[in-house]
Amino acid sequence: MRKSLFMCAFTATRHNPDLASFYARLRSNGKEHLCAVIAVARKLIILANAILIRNTEWTPQYQQN
C-alpha cells in the first residue's frame, strides 16, 4: 500500500497542478524531495478521506481547458 501511495504522490507532483504547486512550495521552502513527496502522499490521503466522508466528487481548483 505504501509503495502504491508513494507512486501516486510522485505522479501527482508532475501531473496535478494543485499538488504540483504544493510540492513546489515545499521544495522552495527547503524540504528535501522525499519529504515533499511524502507530504503530497499525506495530502492525497486527506483528500480521499474528505471525498469519501462528504460523498462528493473531486473538484480541482484549477480550470481544465
C-alpha atoms as a PDB file:
ATOM      1  CA  MET A   1       0.000   0.000   0.000  1.00  0.00           C
ATOM      2  CA  ARG A   2       2.807   2.394   0.890  1.00  0.00           C
ATOM      3  CA  LYS A   3       4.591   1.867  -2.430  1.00  0.00           C
ATOM      4  CA  SER A   4       1.387   2.463  -4.385  1.00  0.00           C
ATOM      5  CA  LEU A   5       0.625   5.634  -2.460  1.00  0.00           C
ATOM      6  CA  PHE A   6       4.174   6.875  -2.966  1.00  0.00           C
ATOM      7  CA  MET A   7       3.922   6.294  -6.730  1.00  0.00           C
ATOM      8  CA  CYS A   8       0.569   8.112  -6.871  1.00  0.00           C
ATOM      9  CA  ALA A   9       2.066  11.038  -4.971  1.00  0.00           C
ATOM     10  CA  PHE A  10       5.130  11.110  -7.189  1.00  0.00           C
ATOM     11  CA  THR A  11       2.939  11.173 -10.300  1.00  0.00           C
ATOM     12  CA  ALA A  12       0.686  13.849  -8.789  1.00  0.00           C
ATOM     13  CA  THR A  13       3.684  16.137  -8.281  1.00  0.00           C
ATOM     14  CA  ARG A  14       4.162  16.124 -12.059  1.00  0.00           C
ATOM     15  CA  HIS A  15       0.630  15.983 -13.475  1.00  0.00           C
ATOM     16  CA  ASN A  16      -1.805  17.545 -10.974  1.00  0.00           C
ATOM     17  CA  PRO A  17      -1.439  21.352 -10.911  1.00  0.00           C
ATOM     18  CA  ASP A  18      -2.822  21.676  -7.363  1.00  0.00           C
ATOM     19  CA  LEU A  19      -0.471  19.111  -5.868  1.00  0.00           C
ATOM     20  CA  ALA A  20       2.421  20.157  -8.114  1.00  0.00           C
ATOM     21  CA  SER A  21       2.249  23.698  -6.740  1.00  0.00           C
ATOM     22  CA  PHE A  22       2.083  22.291  -3.183  1.00  0.00           C
ATOM     23  CA  TYR A  23       5.177  20.174  -3.912  1.00  0.00           C
ATOM     24  CA  ALA A  24       6.997  23.142  -5.490  1.00  0.00           C
ATOM     25  CA  ARG A  25       6.199  25.334  -2.484  1.00  0.00           C
ATOM     26  CA  LEU A  26       7.597  22.717  -0.096  1.00  0.00           C
ATOM     27  CA  ARG A  27      10.757  22.353  -2.185  1.00  0.00           C
ATOM     28  CA  SER A  28      11.254  26.124  -2.331  1.00  0.00           C
ATOM     29  CA  ASN A  29      10.922  26.243   1.460  1.00  0.00           C
ATOM     30  CA  GLY A  30      13.866  23.863   1.775  1.00  0.00           C
ATOM     31  CA  LYS A  31      12.203  20.447   2.118  1.00  0.00           C
ATOM     32  CA  GLU A  32      14.027  17.515   0.565  1.00  0.00           C
ATOM     33  CA  HIS A  33      12.461  15.675  -2.370  1.00  0.00           C
ATOM     34  CA  LEU A  34      11.391  12.591  -0.424  1.00  0.00           C
ATOM     35  CA  CYS A  35       9.943  14.616   2.439  1.00  0.00           C
ATOM     36  CA  ALA A  36       7.925  16.735  -0.006  1.00  0.00           C
ATOM     37  CA  VAL A  37       6.619  13.671  -1.861  1.00  0.00           C
ATOM     38  CA  ILE A  38       5.542  12.105   1.448  1.00  0.00           C
ATOM     39  CA  ALA A  39       3.704  15.335   2.305  1.00  0.00           C
ATOM     40  CA  VAL A  40       1.900  15.094  -1.048  1.00  0.00           C
ATOM     41  CA  ALA A  41       1.010  11.463  -0.260  1.00  0.00           C
ATOM     42  CA  ARG A  42      -0.426  12.535   3.068  1.00  0.00           C
ATOM     43  CA  LYS A  43      -2.427  15.256   1.319  1.00  0.00           C
ATOM     44  CA  LEU A  44      -3.779  12.630  -1.109  1.00  0.00           C
ATOM     45  CA  ILE A  45      -4.979  10.525   1.830  1.00  0.00           C
ATOM     46  CA  ILE A  46      -6.662  13.546   3.423  1.00  0.00           C
ATOM     47  CA  LEU A  47      -8.352  14.463   0.131  1.00  0.00           C
ATOM     48  CA  ALA A  48      -9.555  10.889  -0.420  1.00  0.00           C
ATOM     49  CA  ASN A  49     -10.984  10.701   3.096  1.00  0.00           C
ATOM     50  CA  ALA A  50     -12.762  14.038   2.684  1.00  0.00           C
ATOM     51  CA  ILE A  51     -14.283  12.938  -0.630  1.00  0.00           C
ATOM     52  CA  LEU A  52     -15.499   9.668   0.899  1.00  0.00           C
ATOM     53  CA  ILE A  53     -16.900  11.303   4.037  1.00  0.00           C
ATOM     54  CA  ARG A  54     -18.701  14.062   2.121  1.00  0.00           C
ATOM     55  CA  ASN A  55     -19.831  11.660  -0.624  1.00  0.00           C
ATOM     56  CA  THR A  56     -18.828  14.166  -3.317  1.00  0.00           C
ATOM     57  CA  GLU A  57     -16.806  14.160  -6.494  1.00  0.00           C
ATOM     58  CA  TRP A  58     -13.273  15.543  -6.836  1.00  0.00           C
ATOM     59  CA  THR A  59     -13.392  19.197  -7.886  1.00  0.00           C
ATOM     60  CA  PRO A  60      -9.954  20.570  -8.735  1.00  0.00           C
ATOM     61  CA  GLN A  61      -9.151  24.208  -8.043  1.00  0.00           C
ATOM     62  CA  TYR A  62      -7.658  24.753 -11.482  1.00  0.00           C
ATOM     63  CA  GLN A  63      -9.622  25.168 -14.699  1.00  0.00           C
ATOM     64  CA  GLN A  64      -9.204  22.453 -17.317  1.00  0.00           C
ATOM     65  CA  ASN A  65      -9.098  23.537 -20.965  1.00  0.00           C
END
